[in-house]
Full PDB file with SEQRES, HELIX, SHEET, SSBOND, CRYST1, ORIGX, SCALE, CONECT and MASTER records, all heavy atoms in Angstrom:
SEQRES   1 A   37  GLY ASP VAL SER THR VAL GLY PHE TYR MET LEU GLY ILE          
SEQRES   2 A   37  ARG GLY THR HIS ILE ALA PRO ARG ASP ARG TYR ARG LEU          
SEQRES   3 A   37  ILE TYR THR LEU TYR PHE TYR ASP PHE PRO SER                  
HELIX    1 AA1 PRO A   20  ASP A   22  5                                   3    
SHEET    1 AA1 3 ASP A   2  VAL A   3  0                                        
SHEET    2 AA1 3 TYR A   9  ILE A  18 -1                                        
SHEET    3 AA1 3 ARG A  25  ASP A  34 -1                                        
CRYST1    1.000    1.000    1.000  90.00  90.00  90.00 P 1           1          
ORIGX1      1.000000  0.000000  0.000000        0.00000                         
ORIGX2      0.000000  1.000000  0.000000        0.00000                         
ORIGX3      0.000000  0.000000  1.000000        0.00000                         
SCALE1      1.000000  0.000000  0.000000        0.00000                         
SCALE2      0.000000  1.000000  0.000000        0.00000                         
SCALE3      0.000000  0.000000  1.000000        0.00000                         
ATOM      1  N   GLY A   1       5.333  24.212   8.992  1.00  0.00           N  
ATOM      2  CA  GLY A   1       4.058  23.547   8.745  1.00  0.00           C  
ATOM      3  C   GLY A   1       4.000  23.042   7.321  1.00  0.00           C  
ATOM      4  O   GLY A   1       4.687  23.563   6.431  1.00  0.00           O  
ATOM      5  N   ASP A   2       3.201  22.032   7.093  1.00  0.00           N  
ATOM      6  CA  ASP A   2       3.143  21.419   5.763  1.00  0.00           C  
ATOM      7  C   ASP A   2       1.816  20.691   5.597  1.00  0.00           C  
ATOM      8  O   ASP A   2       1.305  20.089   6.540  1.00  0.00           O  
ATOM      9  CB  ASP A   2       4.290  20.420   5.600  1.00  0.00           C  
ATOM     10  CG  ASP A   2       4.723  20.264   4.156  1.00  0.00           C  
ATOM     11  OD1 ASP A   2       3.875  20.453   3.264  1.00  0.00           O  
ATOM     12  OD2 ASP A   2       5.900  19.950   3.911  1.00  0.00           O  
ATOM     13  N   VAL A   3       1.267  20.752   4.395  1.00  0.00           N  
ATOM     14  CA  VAL A   3       0.100  19.961   4.015  1.00  0.00           C  
ATOM     15  C   VAL A   3       0.352  19.441   2.606  1.00  0.00           C  
ATOM     16  O   VAL A   3       1.097  20.043   1.832  1.00  0.00           O  
ATOM     17  CB  VAL A   3      -1.211  20.781   4.047  1.00  0.00           C  
ATOM     18  CG1 VAL A   3      -1.556  21.191   5.461  1.00  0.00           C  
ATOM     19  CG2 VAL A   3      -1.112  21.995   3.142  1.00  0.00           C  
ATOM     20  N   SER A   4      -0.260  18.309   2.268  1.00  0.00           N  
ATOM     21  CA  SER A   4      -0.051  17.754   0.929  1.00  0.00           C  
ATOM     22  C   SER A   4      -1.327  17.106   0.418  1.00  0.00           C  
ATOM     23  O   SER A   4      -2.304  16.917   1.151  1.00  0.00           O  
ATOM     24  CB  SER A   4       1.089  16.734   0.936  1.00  0.00           C  
ATOM     25  OG  SER A   4       0.663  15.494   1.454  1.00  0.00           O  
ATOM     26  N   THR A   5      -1.288  16.727  -0.835  1.00  0.00           N  
ATOM     27  CA  THR A   5      -2.467  16.186  -1.509  1.00  0.00           C  
ATOM     28  C   THR A   5      -2.802  14.766  -1.082  1.00  0.00           C  
ATOM     29  O   THR A   5      -3.881  14.273  -1.411  1.00  0.00           O  
ATOM     30  CB  THR A   5      -2.255  16.221  -3.029  1.00  0.00           C  
ATOM     31  OG1 THR A   5      -1.035  15.531  -3.362  1.00  0.00           O  
ATOM     32  CG2 THR A   5      -2.170  17.655  -3.530  1.00  0.00           C  
ATOM     33  N   VAL A   6      -1.894  14.076  -0.368  1.00  0.00           N  
ATOM     34  CA  VAL A   6      -2.179  12.707   0.068  1.00  0.00           C  
ATOM     35  C   VAL A   6      -2.742  12.661   1.493  1.00  0.00           C  
ATOM     36  O   VAL A   6      -2.896  11.584   2.068  1.00  0.00           O  
ATOM     37  CB  VAL A   6      -0.920  11.823  -0.027  1.00  0.00           C  
ATOM     38  CG1 VAL A   6      -0.463  11.696  -1.460  1.00  0.00           C  
ATOM     39  CG2 VAL A   6       0.202  12.360   0.868  1.00  0.00           C  
ATOM     40  N   GLY A   7      -3.034  13.835   2.064  1.00  0.00           N  
ATOM     41  CA  GLY A   7      -3.587  13.869   3.409  1.00  0.00           C  
ATOM     42  C   GLY A   7      -2.566  14.063   4.501  1.00  0.00           C  
ATOM     43  O   GLY A   7      -2.896  14.002   5.693  1.00  0.00           O  
ATOM     44  N   PHE A   8      -1.319  14.310   4.137  1.00  0.00           N  
ATOM     45  CA  PHE A   8      -0.262  14.551   5.110  1.00  0.00           C  
ATOM     46  C   PHE A   8      -0.354  15.975   5.651  1.00  0.00           C  
ATOM     47  O   PHE A   8      -0.596  16.922   4.909  1.00  0.00           O  
ATOM     48  CB  PHE A   8       1.102  14.343   4.440  1.00  0.00           C  
ATOM     49  CG  PHE A   8       2.268  14.907   5.200  1.00  0.00           C  
ATOM     50  CD1 PHE A   8       2.770  14.267   6.325  1.00  0.00           C  
ATOM     51  CD2 PHE A   8       2.870  16.089   4.788  1.00  0.00           C  
ATOM     52  CE1 PHE A   8       3.857  14.789   7.015  1.00  0.00           C  
ATOM     53  CE2 PHE A   8       3.950  16.619   5.471  1.00  0.00           C  
ATOM     54  CZ  PHE A   8       4.442  15.961   6.588  1.00  0.00           C  
ATOM     55  N   TYR A   9      -0.186  16.120   6.953  1.00  0.00           N  
ATOM     56  CA  TYR A   9      -0.042  17.448   7.532  1.00  0.00           C  
ATOM     57  C   TYR A   9       0.929  17.377   8.706  1.00  0.00           C  
ATOM     58  O   TYR A   9       1.073  16.340   9.362  1.00  0.00           O  
ATOM     59  CB  TYR A   9      -1.388  18.034   7.972  1.00  0.00           C  
ATOM     60  CG  TYR A   9      -2.071  17.309   9.113  1.00  0.00           C  
ATOM     61  CD1 TYR A   9      -1.778  17.595  10.445  1.00  0.00           C  
ATOM     62  CD2 TYR A   9      -3.042  16.337   8.852  1.00  0.00           C  
ATOM     63  CE1 TYR A   9      -2.414  16.941  11.483  1.00  0.00           C  
ATOM     64  CE2 TYR A   9      -3.684  15.674   9.882  1.00  0.00           C  
ATOM     65  CZ  TYR A   9      -3.367  15.985  11.204  1.00  0.00           C  
ATOM     66  OH  TYR A   9      -3.994  15.332  12.222  1.00  0.00           O  
ATOM     67  N   MET A  10       1.619  18.488   8.947  1.00  0.00           N  
ATOM     68  CA  MET A  10       2.629  18.544   9.999  1.00  0.00           C  
ATOM     69  C   MET A  10       2.714  19.968  10.535  1.00  0.00           C  
ATOM     70  O   MET A  10       2.567  20.943   9.800  1.00  0.00           O  
ATOM     71  CB  MET A  10       3.995  18.120   9.464  1.00  0.00           C  
ATOM     72  CG  MET A  10       5.133  18.250  10.470  1.00  0.00           C  
ATOM     73  SD  MET A  10       6.722  17.656   9.814  1.00  0.00           S  
ATOM     74  CE  MET A  10       6.970  18.817   8.467  1.00  0.00           C  
ATOM     75  N   LEU A  11       2.968  20.081  11.827  1.00  0.00           N  
ATOM     76  CA  LEU A  11       3.163  21.368  12.458  1.00  0.00           C  
ATOM     77  C   LEU A  11       4.189  21.200  13.574  1.00  0.00           C  
ATOM     78  O   LEU A  11       4.118  20.232  14.339  1.00  0.00           O  
ATOM     79  CB  LEU A  11       1.849  21.901  13.037  1.00  0.00           C  
ATOM     80  CG  LEU A  11       1.862  23.322  13.610  1.00  0.00           C  
ATOM     81  CD1 LEU A  11       2.146  24.340  12.501  1.00  0.00           C  
ATOM     82  CD2 LEU A  11       0.531  23.629  14.284  1.00  0.00           C  
ATOM     83  N   GLY A  12       5.150  22.128  13.658  1.00  0.00           N  
ATOM     84  CA  GLY A  12       6.160  21.973  14.684  1.00  0.00           C  
ATOM     85  C   GLY A  12       6.983  23.221  14.920  1.00  0.00           C  
ATOM     86  O   GLY A  12       6.861  24.226  14.220  1.00  0.00           O  
ATOM     87  N   ILE A  13       7.837  23.129  15.935  1.00  0.00           N  
ATOM     88  CA  ILE A  13       8.751  24.198  16.294  1.00  0.00           C  
ATOM     89  C   ILE A  13      10.046  23.566  16.792  1.00  0.00           C  
ATOM     90  O   ILE A  13      10.031  22.520  17.444  1.00  0.00           O  
ATOM     91  CB  ILE A  13       8.139  25.119  17.383  1.00  0.00           C  
ATOM     92  CG1 ILE A  13       9.102  26.247  17.746  1.00  0.00           C  
ATOM     93  CG2 ILE A  13       7.753  24.317  18.624  1.00  0.00           C  
ATOM     94  CD1 ILE A  13       8.491  27.273  18.699  1.00  0.00           C  
ATOM     95  N   ARG A  14      11.160  24.179  16.442  1.00  0.00           N  
ATOM     96  CA  ARG A  14      12.451  23.736  16.960  1.00  0.00           C  
ATOM     97  C   ARG A  14      13.373  24.937  17.058  1.00  0.00           C  
ATOM     98  O   ARG A  14      13.201  25.925  16.345  1.00  0.00           O  
ATOM     99  CB  ARG A  14      13.075  22.667  16.057  1.00  0.00           C  
ATOM    100  CG  ARG A  14      13.374  23.119  14.640  1.00  0.00           C  
ATOM    101  CD  ARG A  14      14.127  22.052  13.868  1.00  0.00           C  
ATOM    102  NE  ARG A  14      14.337  22.452  12.476  1.00  0.00           N  
ATOM    103  CZ  ARG A  14      13.557  22.102  11.468  1.00  0.00           C  
ATOM    104  NH1 ARG A  14      12.506  21.331  11.702  1.00  0.00           N  
ATOM    105  NH2 ARG A  14      13.803  22.522  10.242  1.00  0.00           N  
ATOM    106  N   GLY A  15      14.348  24.849  17.949  1.00  0.00           N  
ATOM    107  CA  GLY A  15      15.256  25.978  18.081  1.00  0.00           C  
ATOM    108  C   GLY A  15      16.276  25.762  19.173  1.00  0.00           C  
ATOM    109  O   GLY A  15      16.289  24.743  19.873  1.00  0.00           O  
ATOM    110  N   THR A  16      17.140  26.757  19.322  1.00  0.00           N  
ATOM    111  CA  THR A  16      18.163  26.778  20.365  1.00  0.00           C  
ATOM    112  C   THR A  16      18.210  28.176  20.976  1.00  0.00           C  
ATOM    113  O   THR A  16      18.435  29.158  20.257  1.00  0.00           O  
ATOM    114  CB  THR A  16      19.545  26.418  19.803  1.00  0.00           C  
ATOM    115  OG1 THR A  16      19.509  25.107  19.245  1.00  0.00           O  
ATOM    116  CG2 THR A  16      20.601  26.465  20.901  1.00  0.00           C  
ATOM    117  N   HIS A  17      17.973  28.251  22.266  1.00  0.00           N  
ATOM    118  CA  HIS A  17      18.067  29.525  22.977  1.00  0.00           C  
ATOM    119  C   HIS A  17      19.416  29.593  23.679  1.00  0.00           C  
ATOM    120  O   HIS A  17      19.772  28.697  24.459  1.00  0.00           O  
ATOM    121  CB  HIS A  17      16.939  29.657  24.006  1.00  0.00           C  
ATOM    122  CG  HIS A  17      17.080  30.861  24.890  1.00  0.00           C  
ATOM    123  ND1 HIS A  17      16.750  32.130  24.468  1.00  0.00           N  
ATOM    124  CD2 HIS A  17      17.546  30.986  26.170  1.00  0.00           C  
ATOM    125  CE1 HIS A  17      16.973  32.993  25.450  1.00  0.00           C  
ATOM    126  NE2 HIS A  17      17.459  32.321  26.488  1.00  0.00           N  
ATOM    127  N   ILE A  18      20.179  30.639  23.394  1.00  0.00           N  
ATOM    128  CA  ILE A  18      21.500  30.823  23.989  1.00  0.00           C  
ATOM    129  C   ILE A  18      21.426  31.958  24.999  1.00  0.00           C  
ATOM    130  O   ILE A  18      21.049  33.083  24.653  1.00  0.00           O  
ATOM    131  CB  ILE A  18      22.557  31.127  22.916  1.00  0.00           C  
ATOM    132  CG1 ILE A  18      22.636  29.955  21.929  1.00  0.00           C  
ATOM    133  CG2 ILE A  18      23.917  31.393  23.538  1.00  0.00           C  
ATOM    134  CD1 ILE A  18      23.614  30.173  20.799  1.00  0.00           C  
ATOM    135  N   ALA A  19      21.776  31.673  26.234  1.00  0.00           N  
ATOM    136  CA  ALA A  19      21.721  32.675  27.295  1.00  0.00           C  
ATOM    137  C   ALA A  19      22.835  33.707  27.102  1.00  0.00           C  
ATOM    138  O   ALA A  19      23.799  33.474  26.375  1.00  0.00           O  
ATOM    139  CB  ALA A  19      21.866  31.994  28.654  1.00  0.00           C  
ATOM    140  N   PRO A  20      22.710  34.880  27.743  1.00  0.00           N  
ATOM    141  CA  PRO A  20      23.779  35.880  27.651  1.00  0.00           C  
ATOM    142  C   PRO A  20      25.138  35.295  28.045  1.00  0.00           C  
ATOM    143  O   PRO A  20      25.240  34.524  28.999  1.00  0.00           O  
ATOM    144  CB  PRO A  20      23.326  36.965  28.646  1.00  0.00           C  
ATOM    145  CG  PRO A  20      21.836  36.851  28.674  1.00  0.00           C  
ATOM    146  CD  PRO A  20      21.561  35.375  28.525  1.00  0.00           C  
ATOM    147  N   ARG A  21      26.148  35.638  27.255  1.00  0.00           N  
ATOM    148  CA  ARG A  21      27.522  35.133  27.414  1.00  0.00           C  
ATOM    149  C   ARG A  21      27.576  33.610  27.315  1.00  0.00           C  
ATOM    150  O   ARG A  21      28.499  32.982  27.817  1.00  0.00           O  
ATOM    151  CB  ARG A  21      28.135  35.630  28.737  1.00  0.00           C  
ATOM    152  CG  ARG A  21      28.267  37.149  28.802  1.00  0.00           C  
ATOM    153  CD  ARG A  21      28.994  37.584  30.056  1.00  0.00           C  
ATOM    154  NE  ARG A  21      28.275  37.202  31.273  1.00  0.00           N  
ATOM    155  CZ  ARG A  21      27.252  37.874  31.779  1.00  0.00           C  
ATOM    156  NH1 ARG A  21      26.819  38.975  31.186  1.00  0.00           N  
ATOM    157  NH2 ARG A  21      26.662  37.460  32.883  1.00  0.00           N  
ATOM    158  N   ASP A  22      26.552  33.029  26.688  1.00  0.00           N  
ATOM    159  CA  ASP A  22      26.516  31.582  26.425  1.00  0.00           C  
ATOM    160  C   ASP A  22      26.673  30.765  27.713  1.00  0.00           C  
ATOM    161  O   ASP A  22      27.325  29.713  27.724  1.00  0.00           O  
ATOM    162  CB  ASP A  22      27.609  31.215  25.417  1.00  0.00           C  
ATOM    163  CG  ASP A  22      27.301  29.922  24.680  1.00  0.00           C  
ATOM    164  OD1 ASP A  22      26.197  29.380  24.875  1.00  0.00           O  
ATOM    165  OD2 ASP A  22      28.164  29.447  23.918  1.00  0.00           O  
ATOM    166  N   ARG A  23      26.047  31.223  28.792  1.00  0.00           N  
ATOM    167  CA  ARG A  23      26.141  30.500  30.064  1.00  0.00           C  
ATOM    168  C   ARG A  23      25.441  29.149  29.991  1.00  0.00           C  
ATOM    169  O   ARG A  23      25.859  28.181  30.630  1.00  0.00           O  
ATOM    170  CB  ARG A  23      25.531  31.334  31.192  1.00  0.00           C  
ATOM    171  CG  ARG A  23      26.247  32.631  31.487  1.00  0.00           C  
ATOM    172  CD  ARG A  23      25.792  33.217  32.818  1.00  0.00           C  
ATOM    173  NE  ARG A  23      24.336  33.296  32.891  1.00  0.00           N  
ATOM    174  CZ  ARG A  23      23.614  34.330  32.494  1.00  0.00           C  
ATOM    175  NH1 ARG A  23      24.211  35.365  31.952  1.00  0.00           N  
ATOM    176  NH2 ARG A  23      22.289  34.335  32.620  1.00  0.00           N  
ATOM    177  N   TYR A  24      24.348  29.070  29.252  1.00  0.00           N  
ATOM    178  CA  TYR A  24      23.646  27.810  29.057  1.00  0.00           C  
ATOM    179  C   TYR A  24      22.915  27.853  27.729  1.00  0.00           C  
ATOM    180  O   TYR A  24      22.748  28.916  27.112  1.00  0.00           O  
ATOM    181  CB  TYR A  24      22.665  27.524  30.204  1.00  0.00           C  
ATOM    182  CG  TYR A  24      21.528  28.509  30.303  1.00  0.00           C  
ATOM    183  CD1 TYR A  24      20.368  28.359  29.529  1.00  0.00           C  
ATOM    184  CD2 TYR A  24      21.598  29.597  31.168  1.00  0.00           C  
ATOM    185  CE1 TYR A  24      19.323  29.259  29.614  1.00  0.00           C  
ATOM    186  CE2 TYR A  24      20.555  30.497  31.261  1.00  0.00           C  
ATOM    187  CZ  TYR A  24      19.420  30.326  30.486  1.00  0.00           C  
ATOM    188  OH  TYR A  24      18.390  31.221  30.567  1.00  0.00           O  
ATOM    189  N   ARG A  25      22.453  26.691  27.273  1.00  0.00           N  
ATOM    190  CA  ARG A  25      21.698  26.565  26.034  1.00  0.00           C  
ATOM    191  C   ARG A  25      20.459  25.710  26.277  1.00  0.00           C  
ATOM    192  O   ARG A  25      20.548  24.660  26.924  1.00  0.00           O  
ATOM    193  CB  ARG A  25      22.543  25.929  24.931  1.00  0.00           C  
ATOM    194  CG  ARG A  25      23.738  26.762  24.500  1.00  0.00           C  
ATOM    195  CD  ARG A  25      24.534  26.095  23.394  1.00  0.00           C  
ATOM    196  NE  ARG A  25      25.594  26.968  22.901  1.00  0.00           N  
ATOM    197  CZ  ARG A  25      26.373  26.679  21.860  1.00  0.00           C  
ATOM    198  NH1 ARG A  25      26.196  25.532  21.199  1.00  0.00           N  
ATOM    199  NH2 ARG A  25      27.304  27.535  21.480  1.00  0.00           N  
ATOM    200  N   LEU A  26      19.336  26.156  25.739  1.00  0.00           N  
ATOM    201  CA  LEU A  26      18.093  25.391  25.781  1.00  0.00           C  
ATOM    202  C   LEU A  26      17.772  24.953  24.360  1.00  0.00           C  
ATOM    203  O   LEU A  26      17.488  25.779  23.497  1.00  0.00           O  
ATOM    204  CB  LEU A  26      16.963  26.232  26.361  1.00  0.00           C  
ATOM    205  CG  LEU A  26      15.586  25.563  26.429  1.00  0.00           C  
ATOM    206  CD1 LEU A  26      15.614  24.365  27.376  1.00  0.00           C  
ATOM    207  CD2 LEU A  26      14.521  26.559  26.848  1.00  0.00           C  
ATOM    208  N   ILE A  27      17.822  23.656  24.116  1.00  0.00           N  
ATOM    209  CA  ILE A  27      17.582  23.088  22.793  1.00  0.00           C  
ATOM    210  C   ILE A  27      16.251  22.347  22.832  1.00  0.00           C  
ATOM    211  O   ILE A  27      16.024  21.506  23.712  1.00  0.00           O  
ATOM    212  CB  ILE A  27      18.719  22.133  22.391  1.00  0.00           C  
ATOM    213  CG1 ILE A  27      20.075  22.851  22.493  1.00  0.00           C  
ATOM    214  CG2 ILE A  27      18.509  21.586  20.985  1.00  0.00           C  
ATOM    215  CD1 ILE A  27      21.262  21.930  22.370  1.00  0.00           C  
ATOM    216  N   TYR A  28      15.355  22.644  21.901  1.00  0.00           N  
ATOM    217  CA  TYR A  28      14.013  22.081  21.983  1.00  0.00           C  
ATOM    218  C   TYR A  28      13.474  21.736  20.595  1.00  0.00           C  
ATOM    219  O   TYR A  28      13.812  22.352  19.586  1.00  0.00           O  
ATOM    220  CB  TYR A  28      13.068  23.071  22.681  1.00  0.00           C  
ATOM    221  CG  TYR A  28      13.076  24.463  22.066  1.00  0.00           C  
ATOM    222  CD1 TYR A  28      12.194  24.812  21.052  1.00  0.00           C  
ATOM    223  CD2 TYR A  28      13.982  25.424  22.508  1.00  0.00           C  
ATOM    224  CE1 TYR A  28      12.207  26.077  20.487  1.00  0.00           C  
ATOM    225  CE2 TYR A  28      14.006  26.699  21.954  1.00  0.00           C  
ATOM    226  CZ  TYR A  28      13.121  27.016  20.947  1.00  0.00           C  
ATOM    227  OH  TYR A  28      13.143  28.272  20.384  1.00  0.00           O  
ATOM    228  N   THR A  29      12.631  20.710  20.583  1.00  0.00           N  
ATOM    229  CA  THR A  29      11.914  20.275  19.386  1.00  0.00           C  
ATOM    230  C   THR A  29      10.527  19.804  19.800  1.00  0.00           C  
ATOM    231  O   THR A  29      10.373  19.063  20.778  1.00  0.00           O  
ATOM    232  CB  THR A  29      12.642  19.112  18.677  1.00  0.00           C  
ATOM    233  OG1 THR A  29      13.944  19.534  18.287  1.00  0.00           O  
ATOM    234  CG2 THR A  29      11.869  18.656  17.448  1.00  0.00           C  
ATOM    235  N   LEU A  30       9.526  20.247  19.083  1.00  0.00           N  
ATOM    236  CA  LEU A  30       8.150  19.810  19.331  1.00  0.00           C  
ATOM    237  C   LEU A  30       7.422  19.774  17.994  1.00  0.00           C  
ATOM    238  O   LEU A  30       7.423  20.762  17.260  1.00  0.00           O  
ATOM    239  CB  LEU A  30       7.435  20.770  20.289  1.00  0.00           C  
ATOM    240  CG  LEU A  30       5.929  20.537  20.498  1.00  0.00           C  
ATOM    241  CD1 LEU A  30       5.688  19.200  21.184  1.00  0.00           C  
ATOM    242  CD2 LEU A  30       5.325  21.674  21.319  1.00  0.00           C  
ATOM    243  N   TYR A  31       6.834  18.633  17.657  1.00  0.00           N  
ATOM    244  CA  TYR A  31       6.089  18.546  16.400  1.00  0.00           C  
ATOM    245  C   TYR A  31       5.074  17.408  16.466  1.00  0.00           C  
ATOM    246  O   TYR A  31       5.159  16.515  17.317  1.00  0.00           O  
ATOM    247  CB  TYR A  31       7.028  18.328  15.214  1.00  0.00           C  
ATOM    248  CG  TYR A  31       7.695  16.974  15.172  1.00  0.00           C  
ATOM    249  CD1 TYR A  31       7.068  15.861  14.609  1.00  0.00           C  
ATOM    250  CD2 TYR A  31       8.971  16.795  15.698  1.00  0.00           C  
ATOM    251  CE1 TYR A  31       7.665  14.619  14.578  1.00  0.00           C  
ATOM    252  CE2 TYR A  31       9.588  15.559  15.665  1.00  0.00           C  
ATOM    253  CZ  TYR A  31       8.932  14.474  15.098  1.00  0.00           C  
ATOM    254  OH  TYR A  31       9.541  13.242  15.078  1.00  0.00           O  
ATOM    255  N   PHE A  32       4.105  17.445  15.558  1.00  0.00           N  
ATOM    256  CA  PHE A  32       3.194  16.323  15.358  1.00  0.00           C  
ATOM    257  C   PHE A  32       2.832  16.269  13.882  1.00  0.00           C  
ATOM    258  O   PHE A  32       2.888  17.278  13.175  1.00  0.00           O  
ATOM    259  CB  PHE A  32       1.932  16.455  16.221  1.00  0.00           C  
ATOM    260  CG  PHE A  32       1.048  17.618  15.865  1.00  0.00           C  
ATOM    261  CD1 PHE A  32       0.054  17.500  14.905  1.00  0.00           C  
ATOM    262  CD2 PHE A  32       1.223  18.842  16.497  1.00  0.00           C  
ATOM    263  CE1 PHE A  32      -0.757  18.570  14.579  1.00  0.00           C  
ATOM    264  CE2 PHE A  32       0.409  19.924  16.176  1.00  0.00           C  
ATOM    265  CZ  PHE A  32      -0.581  19.788  15.212  1.00  0.00           C  
ATOM    266  N   TYR A  33       2.504  15.081  13.415  1.00  0.00           N  
ATOM    267  CA  TYR A  33       2.110  14.925  12.015  1.00  0.00           C  
ATOM    268  C   TYR A  33       1.180  13.737  11.852  1.00  0.00           C  
ATOM    269  O   TYR A  33       1.151  12.820  12.682  1.00  0.00           O  
ATOM    270  CB  TYR A  33       3.327  14.784  11.104  1.00  0.00           C  
ATOM    271  CG  TYR A  33       4.152  13.525  11.298  1.00  0.00           C  
ATOM    272  CD1 TYR A  33       3.744  12.296  10.794  1.00  0.00           C  
ATOM    273  CD2 TYR A  33       5.372  13.576  11.963  1.00  0.00           C  
ATOM    274  CE1 TYR A  33       4.506  11.152  10.950  1.00  0.00           C  
ATOM    275  CE2 TYR A  33       6.149  12.443  12.124  1.00  0.00           C  
ATOM    276  CZ  TYR A  33       5.710  11.238  11.616  1.00  0.00           C  
ATOM    277  OH  TYR A  33       6.474  10.102  11.781  1.00  0.00           O  
ATOM    278  N   ASP A  34       0.413  13.772  10.777  1.00  0.00           N  
ATOM    279  CA  ASP A  34      -0.446  12.664  10.364  1.00  0.00           C  
ATOM    280  C   ASP A  34      -0.049  12.326   8.938  1.00  0.00           C  
ATOM    281  O   ASP A  34      -0.059  13.198   8.065  1.00  0.00           O  
ATOM    282  CB  ASP A  34      -1.913  13.066  10.439  1.00  0.00           C  
ATOM    283  CG  ASP A  34      -2.836  11.862  10.315  1.00  0.00           C  
ATOM    284  OD1 ASP A  34      -2.330  10.724  10.242  1.00  0.00           O  
ATOM    285  OD2 ASP A  34      -4.066  12.056  10.281  1.00  0.00           O  
ATOM    286  N   PHE A  35       0.314  11.061   8.702  1.00  0.00           N  
ATOM    287  CA  PHE A  35       0.974  10.730   7.451  1.00  0.00           C  
ATOM    288  C   PHE A  35       0.479   9.385   6.908  1.00  0.00           C  
ATOM    289  O   PHE A  35       0.625   8.365   7.575  1.00  0.00           O  
ATOM    290  CB  PHE A  35       2.478  10.678   7.689  1.00  0.00           C  
ATOM    291  CG  PHE A  35       3.307  10.464   6.461  1.00  0.00           C  
ATOM    292  CD1 PHE A  35       2.855  10.847   5.208  1.00  0.00           C  
ATOM    293  CD2 PHE A  35       4.551   9.884   6.561  1.00  0.00           C  
ATOM    294  CE1 PHE A  35       3.619  10.654   4.078  1.00  0.00           C  
ATOM    295  CE2 PHE A  35       5.337   9.692   5.439  1.00  0.00           C  
ATOM    296  CZ  PHE A  35       4.868  10.074   4.189  1.00  0.00           C  
ATOM    297  N   PRO A  36      -0.107   9.356   5.701  1.00  0.00           N  
ATOM    298  CA  PRO A  36      -0.379   8.076   5.038  1.00  0.00           C  
ATOM    299  C   PRO A  36       0.949   7.478   4.589  1.00  0.00           C  
ATOM    300  O   PRO A  36       1.473   7.802   3.525  1.00  0.00           O  
ATOM    301  CB  PRO A  36      -1.256   8.469   3.843  1.00  0.00           C  
ATOM    302  CG  PRO A  36      -1.707   9.865   4.112  1.00  0.00           C  
ATOM    303  CD  PRO A  36      -0.624  10.495   4.927  1.00  0.00           C  
ATOM    304  N   SER A  37       1.512   6.627   5.418  1.00  0.00           N  
ATOM    305  CA  SER A  37       2.895   6.194   5.261  1.00  0.00           C  
ATOM    306  C   SER A  37       2.989   4.822   4.596  1.00  0.00           C  
ATOM    307  O   SER A  37       1.990   4.145   4.347  1.00  0.00           O  
ATOM    308  CB  SER A  37       3.554   6.146   6.648  1.00  0.00           C  
ATOM    309  OG  SER A  37       4.914   5.797   6.549  1.00  0.00           O  
TER     310      SER A  37                                                      
MASTER        0    0    0    1    3    0    0    6  309    1    0    3          
END                                                                             
């Protein structure tokens, strides 16, 4: 998460889940932000 003096804010999650014995992987990213760009 992040906030700044120009009105920017962001919140998110990302990661990789590895199943036992690495049978499969779940890779995910989720975020949103508001940015004076």
